[in-house]
PDB file of all heavy atoms in Angstrom:
ATOM      1  N   ALA A   1      59.539 -44.858  66.722  1.00  0.00           N
ATOM      2  CA  ALA A   1      60.343 -45.004  65.530  1.00  0.00           C
ATOM      3  C   ALA A   1      59.708 -44.382  64.326  1.00  0.00           C
ATOM      4  O   ALA A   1      58.478 -44.203  64.314  1.00  0.00           O
ATOM      5  CB  ALA A   1      60.598 -46.507  65.304  1.00  0.00           C
ATOM      6  N   TRP A   2      60.469 -44.117  63.265  1.00  0.00           N
ATOM      7  CA  TRP A   2      59.892 -43.647  62.058  1.00  0.00           C
ATOM      8  C   TRP A   2      59.990 -44.803  61.054  1.00  0.00           C
ATOM      9  O   TRP A   2      60.971 -45.412  60.771  1.00  0.00           O
ATOM     10  CB  TRP A   2      60.676 -42.494  61.467  1.00  0.00           C
ATOM     11  CG  TRP A   2      60.148 -41.936  60.225  1.00  0.00           C
ATOM     12  CD1 TRP A   2      60.682 -42.083  58.953  1.00  0.00           C
ATOM     13  CD2 TRP A   2      58.977 -41.152  60.048  1.00  0.00           C
ATOM     14  NE1 TRP A   2      59.931 -41.500  58.012  1.00  0.00           N
ATOM     15  CE2 TRP A   2      58.863 -40.931  58.553  1.00  0.00           C
ATOM     16  CE3 TRP A   2      58.126 -40.650  60.897  1.00  0.00           C
ATOM     17  CZ2 TRP A   2      57.808 -40.200  58.131  1.00  0.00           C
ATOM     18  CZ3 TRP A   2      56.971 -39.838  60.333  1.00  0.00           C
ATOM     19  CH2 TRP A   2      56.913 -39.621  58.984  1.00  0.00           C
ATOM     20  N   ASP A   3      58.814 -45.114  60.473  1.00  0.00           N
ATOM     21  CA  ASP A   3      58.759 -46.191  59.473  1.00  0.00           C
ATOM     22  C   ASP A   3      58.935 -45.544  58.011  1.00  0.00           C
ATOM     23  O   ASP A   3      58.042 -44.823  57.602  1.00  0.00           O
ATOM     24  CB  ASP A   3      57.317 -46.847  59.506  1.00  0.00           C
ATOM     25  CG  ASP A   3      57.187 -48.048  58.593  1.00  0.00           C
ATOM     26  OD1 ASP A   3      58.013 -48.149  57.717  1.00  0.00           O
ATOM     27  OD2 ASP A   3      56.176 -48.768  58.687  1.00  0.00           O
ATOM     28  N   ASN A   4      60.012 -45.870  57.438  1.00  0.00           N
ATOM     29  CA  ASN A   4      60.360 -45.205  56.198  1.00  0.00           C
ATOM     30  C   ASN A   4      59.406 -45.595  55.031  1.00  0.00           C
ATOM     31  O   ASN A   4      59.130 -44.789  54.054  1.00  0.00           O
ATOM     32  CB  ASN A   4      61.790 -45.538  55.799  1.00  0.00           C
ATOM     33  CG  ASN A   4      62.720 -44.999  56.618  1.00  0.00           C
ATOM     34  OD1 ASN A   4      62.678 -43.816  57.070  1.00  0.00           O
ATOM     35  ND2 ASN A   4      63.884 -45.682  56.945  1.00  0.00           N
ATOM     36  N   LEU A   5      58.739 -46.892  55.128  1.00  0.00           N
ATOM     37  CA  LEU A   5      57.792 -47.261  54.119  1.00  0.00           C
ATOM     38  C   LEU A   5      56.471 -46.653  54.314  1.00  0.00           C
ATOM     39  O   LEU A   5      55.814 -46.212  53.399  1.00  0.00           O
ATOM     40  CB  LEU A   5      57.781 -48.759  54.032  1.00  0.00           C
ATOM     41  CG  LEU A   5      59.044 -49.515  53.592  1.00  0.00           C
ATOM     42  CD1 LEU A   5      58.800 -50.960  53.509  1.00  0.00           C
ATOM     43  CD2 LEU A   5      59.481 -48.960  52.142  1.00  0.00           C
ATOM     44  N   ARG A   6      55.935 -46.722  55.565  1.00  0.00           N
ATOM     45  CA  ARG A   6      54.683 -46.150  55.832  1.00  0.00           C
ATOM     46  C   ARG A   6      54.718 -44.640  56.046  1.00  0.00           C
ATOM     47  O   ARG A   6      53.557 -43.961  55.958  1.00  0.00           O
ATOM     48  CB  ARG A   6      54.052 -46.788  57.058  1.00  0.00           C
ATOM     49  CG  ARG A   6      53.746 -48.238  57.053  1.00  0.00           C
ATOM     50  CD  ARG A   6      52.934 -48.738  58.252  1.00  0.00           C
ATOM     51  NE  ARG A   6      52.693 -50.112  58.229  1.00  0.00           N
ATOM     52  CZ  ARG A   6      53.422 -51.103  58.775  1.00  0.00           C
ATOM     53  NH1 ARG A   6      54.501 -50.748  59.458  1.00  0.00           N
ATOM     54  NH2 ARG A   6      53.104 -52.389  58.707  1.00  0.00           N
ATOM     55  N   ALA A   7      55.783 -44.055  56.140  1.00  0.00           N
ATOM     56  CA  ALA A   7      56.032 -42.593  56.320  1.00  0.00           C
ATOM     57  C   ALA A   7      55.268 -42.135  57.537  1.00  0.00           C
ATOM     58  O   ALA A   7      54.433 -41.168  57.428  1.00  0.00           O
ATOM     59  CB  ALA A   7      55.702 -41.828  55.107  1.00  0.00           C
ATOM     60  N   THR A   8      55.325 -42.833  58.657  1.00  0.00           N
ATOM     61  CA  THR A   8      54.600 -42.426  59.857  1.00  0.00           C
ATOM     62  C   THR A   8      55.396 -42.944  61.132  1.00  0.00           C
ATOM     63  O   THR A   8      56.254 -43.826  60.956  1.00  0.00           O
ATOM     64  CB  THR A   8      53.216 -42.962  59.823  1.00  0.00           C
ATOM     65  OG1 THR A   8      52.451 -42.547  60.881  1.00  0.00           O
ATOM     66  CG2 THR A   8      53.208 -44.579  59.970  1.00  0.00           C
ATOM     67  N   ARG A   9      55.000 -42.433  62.269  1.00  0.00           N
ATOM     68  CA  ARG A   9      55.575 -42.930  63.459  1.00  0.00           C
ATOM     69  C   ARG A   9      55.004 -44.216  63.859  1.00  0.00           C
ATOM     70  O   ARG A   9      53.804 -44.446  63.664  1.00  0.00           O
ATOM     71  CB  ARG A   9      55.458 -41.844  64.581  1.00  0.00           C
ATOM     72  CG  ARG A   9      56.216 -40.657  64.440  1.00  0.00           C
ATOM     73  CD  ARG A   9      55.901 -39.714  65.553  1.00  0.00           C
ATOM     74  NE  ARG A   9      54.519 -39.194  65.514  1.00  0.00           N
ATOM     75  CZ  ARG A   9      54.032 -38.386  66.522  1.00  0.00           C
ATOM     76  NH1 ARG A   9      54.787 -38.000  67.457  1.00  0.00           N
ATOM     77  NH2 ARG A   9      52.794 -37.977  66.342  1.00  0.00           N
ATOM     78  N   MET A  10      55.739 -45.096  64.499  1.00  0.00           N
ATOM     79  CA  MET A  10      55.389 -46.372  64.949  1.00  0.00           C
ATOM     80  C   MET A  10      55.993 -46.573  66.384  1.00  0.00           C
ATOM     81  O   MET A  10      56.928 -45.935  66.695  1.00  0.00           O
ATOM     82  CB  MET A  10      55.832 -47.547  64.080  1.00  0.00           C
ATOM     83  CG  MET A  10      55.359 -47.419  62.572  1.00  0.00           C
ATOM     84  SD  MET A  10      53.526 -47.424  62.398  1.00  0.00           S
ATOM     85  CE  MET A  10      53.270 -49.150  62.699  1.00  0.00           C
ATOM     86  N   ALA A  11      55.397 -47.437  67.124  1.00  0.00           N
ATOM     87  CA  ALA A  11      56.022 -47.950  68.312  1.00  0.00           C
ATOM     88  C   ALA A  11      56.762 -49.203  68.105  1.00  0.00           C
ATOM     89  O   ALA A  11      56.206 -50.212  67.478  1.00  0.00           O
ATOM     90  CB  ALA A  11      55.054 -48.082  69.425  1.00  0.00           C
ATOM     91  N   ILE A  12      58.036 -49.353  68.564  1.00  0.00           N
ATOM     92  CA  ILE A  12      58.816 -50.557  68.358  1.00  0.00           C
ATOM     93  C   ILE A  12      59.092 -51.079  69.782  1.00  0.00           C
ATOM     94  O   ILE A  12      59.743 -50.421  70.532  1.00  0.00           O
ATOM     95  CB  ILE A  12      60.127 -50.304  67.605  1.00  0.00           C
ATOM     96  CG1 ILE A  12      59.893 -49.642  66.204  1.00  0.00           C
ATOM     97  CG2 ILE A  12      61.002 -51.570  67.506  1.00  0.00           C
ATOM     98  CD1 ILE A  12      59.248 -50.601  65.227  1.00  0.00           C
ATOM     99  N   LYS A  13      58.827 -52.317  69.938  1.00  0.00           N
ATOM    100  CA  LYS A  13      59.155 -52.985  71.251  1.00  0.00           C
ATOM    101  C   LYS A  13      60.209 -54.026  71.011  1.00  0.00           C
ATOM    102  O   LYS A  13      60.000 -54.993  70.204  1.00  0.00           O
ATOM    103  CB  LYS A  13      57.908 -53.584  71.795  1.00  0.00           C
ATOM    104  CG  LYS A  13      57.945 -54.101  73.266  1.00  0.00           C
ATOM    105  CD  LYS A  13      56.576 -54.303  73.761  1.00  0.00           C
ATOM    106  CE  LYS A  13      56.713 -54.540  75.321  1.00  0.00           C
ATOM    107  NZ  LYS A  13      55.319 -54.730  75.823  1.00  0.00           N
ATOM    108  N   VAL A  14      61.364 -53.817  71.612  1.00  0.00           N
ATOM    109  CA  VAL A  14      62.536 -54.659  71.470  1.00  0.00           C
ATOM    110  C   VAL A  14      62.664 -55.638  72.655  1.00  0.00           C
ATOM    111  O   VAL A  14      62.724 -55.109  73.709  1.00  0.00           O
ATOM    112  CB  VAL A  14      63.757 -53.868  71.242  1.00  0.00           C
ATOM    113  CG1 VAL A  14      65.081 -54.806  71.089  1.00  0.00           C
ATOM    114  CG2 VAL A  14      63.708 -52.911  70.089  1.00  0.00           C
ATOM    115  N   LEU A  15      62.602 -56.867  72.415  1.00  0.00           N
ATOM    116  CA  LEU A  15      62.608 -57.880  73.529  1.00  0.00           C
ATOM    117  C   LEU A  15      63.962 -57.860  74.183  1.00  0.00           C
ATOM    118  O   LEU A  15      65.012 -57.591  73.576  1.00  0.00           O
ATOM    119  CB  LEU A  15      62.343 -59.252  72.980  1.00  0.00           C
ATOM    120  CG  LEU A  15      60.967 -59.507  72.364  1.00  0.00           C
ATOM    121  CD1 LEU A  15      60.755 -60.989  71.930  1.00  0.00           C
ATOM    122  CD2 LEU A  15      59.806 -59.004  73.355  1.00  0.00           C
ATOM    123  N   ARG A  16      63.912 -58.119  75.498  1.00  0.00           N
ATOM    124  CA  ARG A  16      65.100 -58.278  76.255  1.00  0.00           C
ATOM    125  C   ARG A  16      66.029 -59.313  75.669  1.00  0.00           C
ATOM    126  O   ARG A  16      65.612 -60.324  75.070  1.00  0.00           O
ATOM    127  CB  ARG A  16      64.681 -58.737  77.729  1.00  0.00           C
ATOM    128  CG  ARG A  16      64.898 -57.668  78.702  1.00  0.00           C
ATOM    129  CD  ARG A  16      64.455 -58.083  80.097  1.00  0.00           C
ATOM    130  NE  ARG A  16      64.558 -59.471  80.409  1.00  0.00           N
ATOM    131  CZ  ARG A  16      63.809 -60.155  81.267  1.00  0.00           C
ATOM    132  NH1 ARG A  16      62.880 -59.443  81.970  1.00  0.00           N
ATOM    133  NH2 ARG A  16      63.997 -61.424  81.514  1.00  0.00           N
ATOM    134  N   ARG A  17      67.316 -59.060  75.726  1.00  0.00           N
ATOM    135  CA  ARG A  17      68.270 -59.966  75.120  1.00  0.00           C
ATOM    136  C   ARG A  17      68.136 -61.403  75.635  1.00  0.00           C
ATOM    137  O   ARG A  17      68.239 -62.390  74.803  1.00  0.00           O
ATOM    138  CB  ARG A  17      69.710 -59.482  75.321  1.00  0.00           C
ATOM    139  CG  ARG A  17      70.802 -60.124  74.469  1.00  0.00           C
ATOM    140  CD  ARG A  17      72.116 -59.471  74.697  1.00  0.00           C
ATOM    141  NE  ARG A  17      72.102 -58.159  74.173  1.00  0.00           N
ATOM    142  CZ  ARG A  17      72.287 -57.839  72.895  1.00  0.00           C
ATOM    143  NH1 ARG A  17      72.533 -58.778  72.068  1.00  0.00           N
ATOM    144  NH2 ARG A  17      72.375 -56.482  72.542  1.00  0.00           N
ATOM    145  N   ASP A  18      67.990 -61.620  76.933  1.00  0.00           N
ATOM    146  CA  ASP A  18      67.888 -62.988  77.388  1.00  0.00           C
ATOM    147  C   ASP A  18      66.675 -63.702  76.916  1.00  0.00           C
ATOM    148  O   ASP A  18      66.695 -64.872  76.568  1.00  0.00           O
ATOM    149  CB  ASP A  18      67.923 -63.021  78.917  1.00  0.00           C
ATOM    150  CG  ASP A  18      66.810 -62.205  79.571  1.00  0.00           C
ATOM    151  OD1 ASP A  18      66.404 -61.216  78.908  1.00  0.00           O
ATOM    152  OD2 ASP A  18      66.432 -62.511  80.706  1.00  0.00           O
ATOM    153  N   LEU A  19      65.484 -62.972  76.780  1.00  0.00           N
ATOM    154  CA  LEU A  19      64.412 -63.631  76.148  1.00  0.00           C
ATOM    155  C   LEU A  19      64.498 -63.869  74.649  1.00  0.00           C
ATOM    156  O   LEU A  19      64.149 -64.853  74.041  1.00  0.00           O
ATOM    157  CB  LEU A  19      63.176 -62.784  76.360  1.00  0.00           C
ATOM    158  CG  LEU A  19      62.681 -62.570  77.857  1.00  0.00           C
ATOM    159  CD1 LEU A  19      61.479 -61.595  77.921  1.00  0.00           C
ATOM    160  CD2 LEU A  19      62.407 -63.878  78.517  1.00  0.00           C
ATOM    161  N   ALA A  20      65.206 -62.894  74.016  1.00  0.00           N
ATOM    162  CA  ALA A  20      65.386 -62.996  72.569  1.00  0.00           C
ATOM    163  C   ALA A  20      66.301 -64.177  72.227  1.00  0.00           C
ATOM    164  O   ALA A  20      66.151 -64.777  71.104  1.00  0.00           O
ATOM    165  CB  ALA A  20      65.976 -61.726  71.963  1.00  0.00           C
ATOM    166  N   GLN A  21      67.130 -64.566  73.110  1.00  0.00           N
ATOM    167  CA  GLN A  21      68.041 -65.773  72.825  1.00  0.00           C
ATOM    168  C   GLN A  21      67.416 -67.149  73.133  1.00  0.00           C
ATOM    169  O   GLN A  21      68.101 -68.075  72.918  1.00  0.00           O
ATOM    170  CB  GLN A  21      69.321 -65.478  73.599  1.00  0.00           C
ATOM    171  CG  GLN A  21      70.228 -64.261  73.193  1.00  0.00           C
ATOM    172  CD  GLN A  21      71.352 -64.033  73.958  1.00  0.00           C
ATOM    173  OE1 GLN A  21      71.556 -64.642  75.053  1.00  0.00           O
ATOM    174  NE2 GLN A  21      72.315 -63.216  73.485  1.00  0.00           N
ATOM    175  N   SER A  22      66.224 -67.059  73.692  1.00  0.00           N
ATOM    176  CA  SER A  22      65.576 -68.307  73.958  1.00  0.00           C
ATOM    177  C   SER A  22      64.728 -68.783  72.746  1.00  0.00           C
ATOM    178  O   SER A  22      63.876 -68.086  72.261  1.00  0.00           O
ATOM    179  CB  SER A  22      64.576 -68.107  75.103  1.00  0.00           C
ATOM    180  OG  SER A  22      63.735 -69.224  75.359  1.00  0.00           O
ATOM    181  N   ALA A  23      65.114 -69.933  72.156  1.00  0.00           N
ATOM    182  CA  ALA A  23      64.365 -70.496  71.010  1.00  0.00           C
ATOM    183  C   ALA A  23      62.949 -70.761  71.384  1.00  0.00           C
ATOM    184  O   ALA A  23      62.061 -70.502  70.556  1.00  0.00           O
ATOM    185  CB  ALA A  23      65.117 -71.719  70.510  1.00  0.00           C
ATOM    186  N   GLN A  24      62.709 -71.292  72.525  1.00  0.00           N
ATOM    187  CA  GLN A  24      61.338 -71.584  72.978  1.00  0.00           C
ATOM    188  C   GLN A  24      60.518 -70.300  72.966  1.00  0.00           C
ATOM    189  O   GLN A  24      59.386 -70.243  72.452  1.00  0.00           O
ATOM    190  CB  GLN A  24      61.311 -72.277  74.205  1.00  0.00           C
ATOM    191  CG  GLN A  24      59.898 -72.643  74.658  1.00  0.00           C
ATOM    192  CD  GLN A  24      59.877 -73.313  76.019  1.00  0.00           C
ATOM    193  OE1 GLN A  24      60.947 -73.408  76.760  1.00  0.00           O
ATOM    194  NE2 GLN A  24      58.750 -73.913  76.438  1.00  0.00           N
TER     195      GLN A  24
END
């Protein structure tokens, strides 16, 4: 990803939808 504020490349890790929907 490109971070518009830091003006640099970053790595973005997006959690799986089933895990993201778990409140715990």
